[in-house]
Amino acid sequence: MASDNAETHAPSAGEYIQHHLQHLQKNFDFESVKQTSIVDFSVFNFDSVFFSVVLGVLGCFVLWNAARKATAGVPGRFQAAVEILSEMVENQAKGVIHNAKSRKLISPLALTVFVWIFLMNAMDMLPVDLIPAIWHSAGPALGFKDYVRVVPTADLSTTLGLSCSVLLVCIFYNIKIKGLGGWAHELIAAPFGDHWALYPVNFLMQMIEYLAKTVSHGMRLFGNMFAGELVFMLIALMGGGWALSATGVGLAIGHVIAGTVWTLFHILVITLQAFIFMMLTLIYTGQAHDAH
């Protein structure tokens, strides 16, 4: 009888995934709402903001703690790991940005971006239902909906926000290195040449380039992390199907094998995506230093 009740009240696979893909959304009056259009700037995903801020603070604390405890002697394993990571980012920055003064800001920025995105990506390694199961009871008790998503980089608003921030940094260095007039002239004189008849075409091409770089920068990270999150949900459904039916040992074995293989592979994915985002940040800011 208990098994029959469980099967009756258990959500279908589609309902399970749909629930897990719903963000905890608020408007700027902090009222629970649900986004109804593709673009709605009156709504924000509170869960993405919360986990992004927490992980950002955690990442900064780790780096600050490493710098605070750094010694000139033989480094410990923690200090050595941070030094290796810092040297890797600095070497990549030297190969792209030849202005030593700019690297004093851009290198730490790129290091922070890598650590922050890695931590946000790593939330995908937690069991799919761990935090949502806790929130299912705690959220409504606090007056919130029971929706929660724990991977900020599987949210397009997060990744596009990051890429737009990189765009602002690029605009800053374009103006700083070339001057406002020099950059404005570059917008209309490149890539086809400095001729008045080509100014509209050049400007249009420049705007398309900036838009394409910014959108692809954010979409690449989002697409990979969203796909990874979805695969973990499908693997979880295999275990759920076995638990509810109490039969089908193949589902249980498949759940364990698929979960293990995908987790090991996903360790590479979350690291690689953080590295790619960091490298594109360096490349785009390096391009801002180059004159056409």
Protein backbone atom coordinates (compact mmCIF):
# COMPACT_ATOMS: atom_id res chain seq x y z
CA MET A 1 0.00 0.00 0.00
CA ALA A 2 2.80 2.41 0.85
CA SER A 3 4.43 1.65 -2.47
CA ASP A 4 1.17 2.31 -4.30
CA ASN A 5 0.76 5.68 -2.56
CA ALA A 6 4.33 6.62 -3.41
CA GLU A 7 3.75 5.79 -7.04
CA THR A 8 0.48 7.73 -7.06
CA HIS A 9 1.93 10.90 -5.61
CA ALA A 10 5.39 10.76 -7.20
CA PRO A 11 5.93 13.34 -9.95
CA SER A 12 6.43 12.19 -13.49
CA ALA A 13 9.86 12.55 -15.07
CA GLY A 14 8.75 15.69 -16.90
CA GLU A 15 7.30 17.24 -13.74
CA TYR A 16 10.47 16.40 -11.79
CA ILE A 17 12.74 18.10 -14.33
CA GLN A 18 10.41 21.06 -14.79
CA HIS A 19 10.34 21.66 -11.04
CA HIS A 20 14.12 21.44 -10.76
CA LEU A 21 14.61 23.87 -13.64
CA GLN A 22 12.40 26.56 -12.04
CA HIS A 23 14.25 29.40 -10.33
CA LEU A 24 13.25 31.07 -7.08
CA GLN A 25 12.19 34.36 -8.69
CA LYS A 26 11.53 37.69 -7.06
CA ASN A 27 10.65 41.17 -8.24
CA PHE A 28 12.32 44.26 -6.82
CA ASP A 29 9.63 44.52 -4.13
CA PHE A 30 10.91 41.07 -3.07
CA GLU A 31 7.61 39.43 -3.93
CA SER A 32 7.54 35.90 -5.34
CA VAL A 33 6.74 36.07 -9.06
CA LYS A 34 7.17 33.92 -12.14
CA GLN A 35 8.77 35.17 -15.32
CA THR A 36 6.37 35.05 -18.25
CA SER A 37 8.47 36.51 -21.05
CA ILE A 38 11.93 35.69 -22.37
CA VAL A 39 13.33 39.06 -21.26
CA ASP A 40 11.95 40.65 -18.10
CA PHE A 41 14.18 43.07 -16.21
CA SER A 42 11.62 43.44 -13.41
CA VAL A 43 12.37 39.88 -12.23
CA PHE A 44 15.57 38.40 -10.87
CA ASN A 45 16.52 34.86 -9.90
CA PHE A 46 17.11 35.11 -6.18
CA ASP A 47 18.73 31.66 -5.91
CA SER A 48 21.33 32.50 -8.57
CA VAL A 49 22.13 35.82 -6.92
CA PHE A 50 22.41 34.22 -3.47
CA PHE A 51 24.71 31.37 -4.47
CA SER A 52 26.80 33.64 -6.73
CA VAL A 53 27.43 36.09 -3.90
CA VAL A 54 28.18 33.36 -1.34
CA LEU A 55 30.61 31.59 -3.67
CA GLY A 56 32.19 34.89 -4.72
CA VAL A 57 32.84 35.78 -1.08
CA LEU A 58 34.17 32.27 -0.46
CA GLY A 59 36.54 32.48 -3.45
CA CYS A 60 37.85 35.90 -2.41
CA PHE A 61 38.34 34.64 1.15
CA VAL A 62 40.36 31.66 -0.07
CA LEU A 63 42.63 33.88 -2.19
CA TRP A 64 42.95 36.46 0.59
CA ASN A 65 43.78 33.76 3.12
CA ALA A 66 46.45 32.36 0.81
CA ALA A 67 48.01 35.81 0.38
CA ARG A 68 47.85 36.49 4.12
CA LYS A 69 49.55 33.24 5.05
CA ALA A 70 52.14 33.31 2.25
CA THR A 71 55.71 32.77 3.43
CA ALA A 72 59.07 33.19 1.73
CA GLY A 73 60.24 29.73 2.74
CA VAL A 74 59.12 26.36 1.48
CA PRO A 75 55.39 26.75 0.76
CA GLY A 76 52.75 24.41 2.08
CA ARG A 77 50.44 22.52 -0.25
CA PHE A 78 47.71 25.16 -0.10
CA GLN A 79 50.10 28.04 -0.79
CA ALA A 80 51.81 26.05 -3.55
CA ALA A 81 48.48 25.32 -5.24
CA VAL A 82 47.47 28.99 -5.19
CA GLU A 83 50.91 30.05 -6.43
CA ILE A 84 50.74 27.59 -9.32
CA LEU A 85 47.29 28.88 -10.25
CA SER A 86 48.41 32.51 -9.99
CA GLU A 87 51.51 31.88 -12.11
CA MET A 88 49.42 30.09 -14.72
CA VAL A 89 47.06 33.06 -15.02
CA GLU A 90 49.94 35.56 -15.05
CA ASN A 91 51.75 33.65 -17.82
CA GLN A 92 48.58 33.56 -19.90
CA ALA A 93 48.08 37.29 -19.33
CA LYS A 94 51.68 38.06 -20.41
CA GLY A 95 51.09 36.26 -23.69
CA VAL A 96 47.99 38.34 -24.49
CA ILE A 97 48.41 41.70 -22.73
CA HIS A 98 51.79 43.35 -23.27
CA ASN A 99 51.06 46.37 -21.08
CA ALA A 100 52.62 45.59 -17.68
CA LYS A 101 50.63 48.31 -15.96
CA SER A 102 47.32 46.91 -17.24
CA ARG A 103 48.28 43.40 -16.10
CA LYS A 104 48.43 44.62 -12.49
CA LEU A 105 44.63 44.84 -12.60
CA ILE A 106 43.69 42.36 -15.32
CA SER A 107 45.71 39.39 -13.98
CA PRO A 108 44.06 39.44 -10.52
CA LEU A 109 40.72 40.00 -12.24
CA ALA A 110 41.24 36.95 -14.44
CA LEU A 111 42.33 34.87 -11.43
CA THR A 112 39.21 35.93 -9.53
CA VAL A 113 37.03 35.11 -12.54
CA PHE A 114 38.56 31.64 -12.82
CA VAL A 115 38.14 30.80 -9.12
CA TRP A 116 34.62 32.27 -8.95
CA ILE A 117 33.34 30.47 -12.03
CA PHE A 118 35.00 27.22 -10.96
CA LEU A 119 33.22 27.36 -7.60
CA MET A 120 29.87 28.15 -9.24
CA ASN A 121 30.36 25.31 -11.73
CA ALA A 122 31.37 22.95 -8.92
CA MET A 123 27.92 23.27 -7.35
CA ASP A 124 26.83 20.90 -10.10
CA MET A 125 28.82 18.16 -8.33
CA LEU A 126 26.44 18.16 -5.36
CA PRO A 127 23.66 15.53 -5.39
CA VAL A 128 20.79 16.87 -7.48
CA ASP A 129 18.20 16.66 -4.70
CA LEU A 130 20.38 17.51 -1.68
CA ILE A 131 19.82 21.26 -1.32
CA PRO A 132 16.38 21.27 -3.04
CA ALA A 133 15.17 18.61 -0.56
CA ILE A 134 16.30 20.79 2.36
CA TRP A 135 14.78 23.89 0.79
CA HIS A 136 11.51 22.08 0.10
CA SER A 137 10.81 22.21 3.84
CA ALA A 138 12.78 25.28 4.87
CA GLY A 139 11.70 27.55 1.97
CA PRO A 140 7.92 27.52 2.51
CA ALA A 141 8.48 27.81 6.27
CA LEU A 142 10.35 31.07 5.61
CA GLY A 143 7.64 32.33 3.27
CA PHE A 144 9.43 31.44 0.02
CA LYS A 145 8.47 29.15 -2.84
CA ASP A 146 10.03 25.68 -2.78
CA TYR A 147 11.95 26.29 -6.01
CA VAL A 148 15.75 26.48 -5.89
CA ARG A 149 18.60 25.98 -8.36
CA VAL A 150 22.11 25.79 -6.97
CA VAL A 151 24.26 26.19 -10.12
CA PRO A 152 24.45 29.92 -10.90
CA THR A 153 26.26 29.37 -14.20
CA ALA A 154 23.34 27.24 -15.45
CA ASP A 155 21.36 30.50 -15.38
CA LEU A 156 21.69 32.60 -18.54
CA SER A 157 21.21 35.84 -16.62
CA THR A 158 24.33 35.02 -14.55
CA THR A 159 26.60 34.16 -17.47
CA LEU A 160 25.44 37.10 -19.60
CA GLY A 161 25.92 39.35 -16.58
CA LEU A 162 29.51 38.14 -16.35
CA SER A 163 30.13 38.61 -20.06
CA CYS A 164 28.60 42.11 -19.98
CA SER A 165 30.95 42.95 -17.12
CA VAL A 166 33.88 41.86 -19.30
CA LEU A 167 32.51 44.08 -22.07
CA LEU A 168 32.53 47.07 -19.70
CA VAL A 169 36.15 46.32 -18.78
CA CYS A 170 37.02 46.20 -22.49
CA ILE A 171 35.32 49.55 -23.10
CA PHE A 172 37.22 51.01 -20.14
CA TYR A 173 40.60 49.93 -21.54
CA ASN A 174 39.68 51.01 -25.07
CA ILE A 175 39.09 54.52 -23.76
CA LYS A 176 42.05 54.46 -21.36
CA ILE A 177 44.60 53.24 -23.93
CA LYS A 178 43.33 55.00 -27.07
CA GLY A 179 41.44 57.93 -25.64
CA LEU A 180 37.76 58.56 -26.21
CA GLY A 181 38.40 60.21 -29.57
CA GLY A 182 40.81 57.49 -30.69
CA TRP A 183 38.40 54.72 -29.82
CA ALA A 184 35.48 56.56 -31.44
CA HIS A 185 37.55 56.94 -34.61
CA GLU A 186 38.43 53.24 -34.53
CA LEU A 187 34.74 52.35 -34.35
CA ILE A 188 34.09 54.03 -37.69
CA ALA A 189 37.46 53.50 -39.42
CA ALA A 190 37.96 49.75 -38.88
CA PRO A 191 37.94 47.14 -40.27
CA PHE A 192 37.44 48.30 -43.89
CA GLY A 193 39.38 51.55 -43.87
CA ASP A 194 39.24 55.22 -42.96
CA HIS A 195 36.90 56.58 -45.61
CA TRP A 196 33.69 58.50 -44.98
CA ALA A 197 31.67 56.21 -47.24
CA LEU A 198 32.69 53.21 -45.15
CA TYR A 199 31.95 54.77 -41.75
CA PRO A 200 28.39 53.34 -41.40
CA VAL A 201 29.48 49.86 -42.49
CA ASN A 202 32.51 49.91 -40.18
CA PHE A 203 30.42 51.05 -37.21
CA LEU A 204 27.80 48.35 -37.88
CA MET A 205 30.49 45.66 -38.10
CA GLN A 206 32.06 46.86 -34.85
CA MET A 207 28.72 46.71 -33.04
CA ILE A 208 28.05 43.23 -34.41
CA GLU A 209 31.51 42.12 -33.23
CA TYR A 210 31.01 43.46 -29.70
CA LEU A 211 27.52 41.92 -29.51
CA ALA A 212 28.64 38.55 -30.87
CA LYS A 213 31.63 38.33 -28.52
CA THR A 214 29.57 39.24 -25.47
CA VAL A 215 26.67 36.91 -26.24
CA SER A 216 28.86 33.95 -27.22
CA HIS A 217 31.05 34.52 -24.15
CA GLY A 218 28.06 34.07 -21.85
CA MET A 219 26.14 31.51 -23.90
CA ARG A 220 29.08 29.09 -24.11
CA LEU A 221 29.36 28.81 -20.34
CA PHE A 222 25.60 28.65 -19.85
CA GLY A 223 25.08 25.98 -22.51
CA ASN A 224 27.68 23.62 -21.11
CA MET A 225 26.59 23.98 -17.49
CA PHE A 226 22.87 23.74 -18.29
CA ALA A 227 23.47 20.56 -20.28
CA GLY A 228 25.53 19.09 -17.44
CA GLU A 229 22.84 19.92 -14.89
CA LEU A 230 20.19 18.30 -17.09
CA VAL A 231 22.24 15.11 -17.48
CA PHE A 232 22.59 14.83 -13.70
CA MET A 233 18.79 15.14 -13.41
CA LEU A 234 18.28 12.34 -15.93
CA ILE A 235 20.72 10.14 -14.03
CA ALA A 236 18.86 10.92 -10.79
CA LEU A 237 15.64 9.79 -12.46
CA MET A 238 17.19 6.37 -13.05
CA GLY A 239 17.75 5.98 -9.31
CA GLY A 240 14.30 7.35 -8.56
CA GLY A 241 12.70 4.90 -10.97
CA TRP A 242 14.45 2.00 -9.27
CA ALA A 243 13.54 3.23 -5.76
CA LEU A 244 9.85 3.60 -6.60
CA SER A 245 9.42 0.35 -8.48
CA ALA A 246 11.59 -1.70 -6.09
CA THR A 247 12.51 -3.72 -9.18
CA GLY A 248 14.77 -3.26 -12.15
CA VAL A 249 18.21 -3.78 -10.67
CA GLY A 250 19.57 -2.59 -14.00
CA LEU A 251 18.30 0.91 -13.22
CA ALA A 252 20.18 0.94 -9.92
CA ILE A 253 23.39 -0.32 -11.54
CA GLY A 254 22.98 2.12 -14.42
CA HIS A 255 22.37 4.95 -11.96
CA VAL A 256 25.63 4.25 -10.11
CA ILE A 257 27.75 3.69 -13.22
CA ALA A 258 26.33 6.63 -15.18
CA GLY A 259 26.56 8.92 -12.15
CA THR A 260 30.19 7.97 -11.50
CA VAL A 261 31.29 8.31 -15.12
CA TRP A 262 29.50 11.59 -15.68
CA THR A 263 30.81 13.03 -12.39
CA LEU A 264 34.40 12.20 -13.31
CA PHE A 265 33.94 13.67 -16.78
CA HIS A 266 32.18 16.72 -15.38
CA ILE A 267 35.18 17.56 -13.19
CA LEU A 268 37.01 18.24 -16.45
CA VAL A 269 34.06 20.21 -17.85
CA ILE A 270 33.69 22.59 -14.90
CA THR A 271 37.45 23.28 -14.85
CA LEU A 272 37.70 23.69 -18.61
CA GLN A 273 34.73 26.06 -18.78
CA ALA A 274 36.20 28.26 -16.03
CA PHE A 275 39.53 28.30 -17.90
CA ILE A 276 37.90 29.14 -21.24
CA PHE A 277 35.91 32.01 -19.74
CA MET A 278 39.07 33.34 -18.08
CA MET A 279 41.09 33.07 -21.31
CA LEU A 280 38.41 34.86 -23.33
CA THR A 281 38.39 37.59 -20.69
CA LEU A 282 42.14 38.01 -21.19
CA ILE A 283 41.86 37.89 -24.98
CA TYR A 284 39.04 40.45 -25.18
CA THR A 285 40.80 42.86 -22.81
CA GLY A 286 44.01 42.31 -24.76
CA GLN A 287 42.22 43.23 -27.98
CA ALA A 288 41.13 46.46 -26.31
CA HIS A 289 44.81 47.39 -26.09
CA ASP A 290 45.45 46.79 -29.80
CA ALA A 291 44.94 49.49 -32.40
CA HIS A 292 43.49 48.63 -35.80
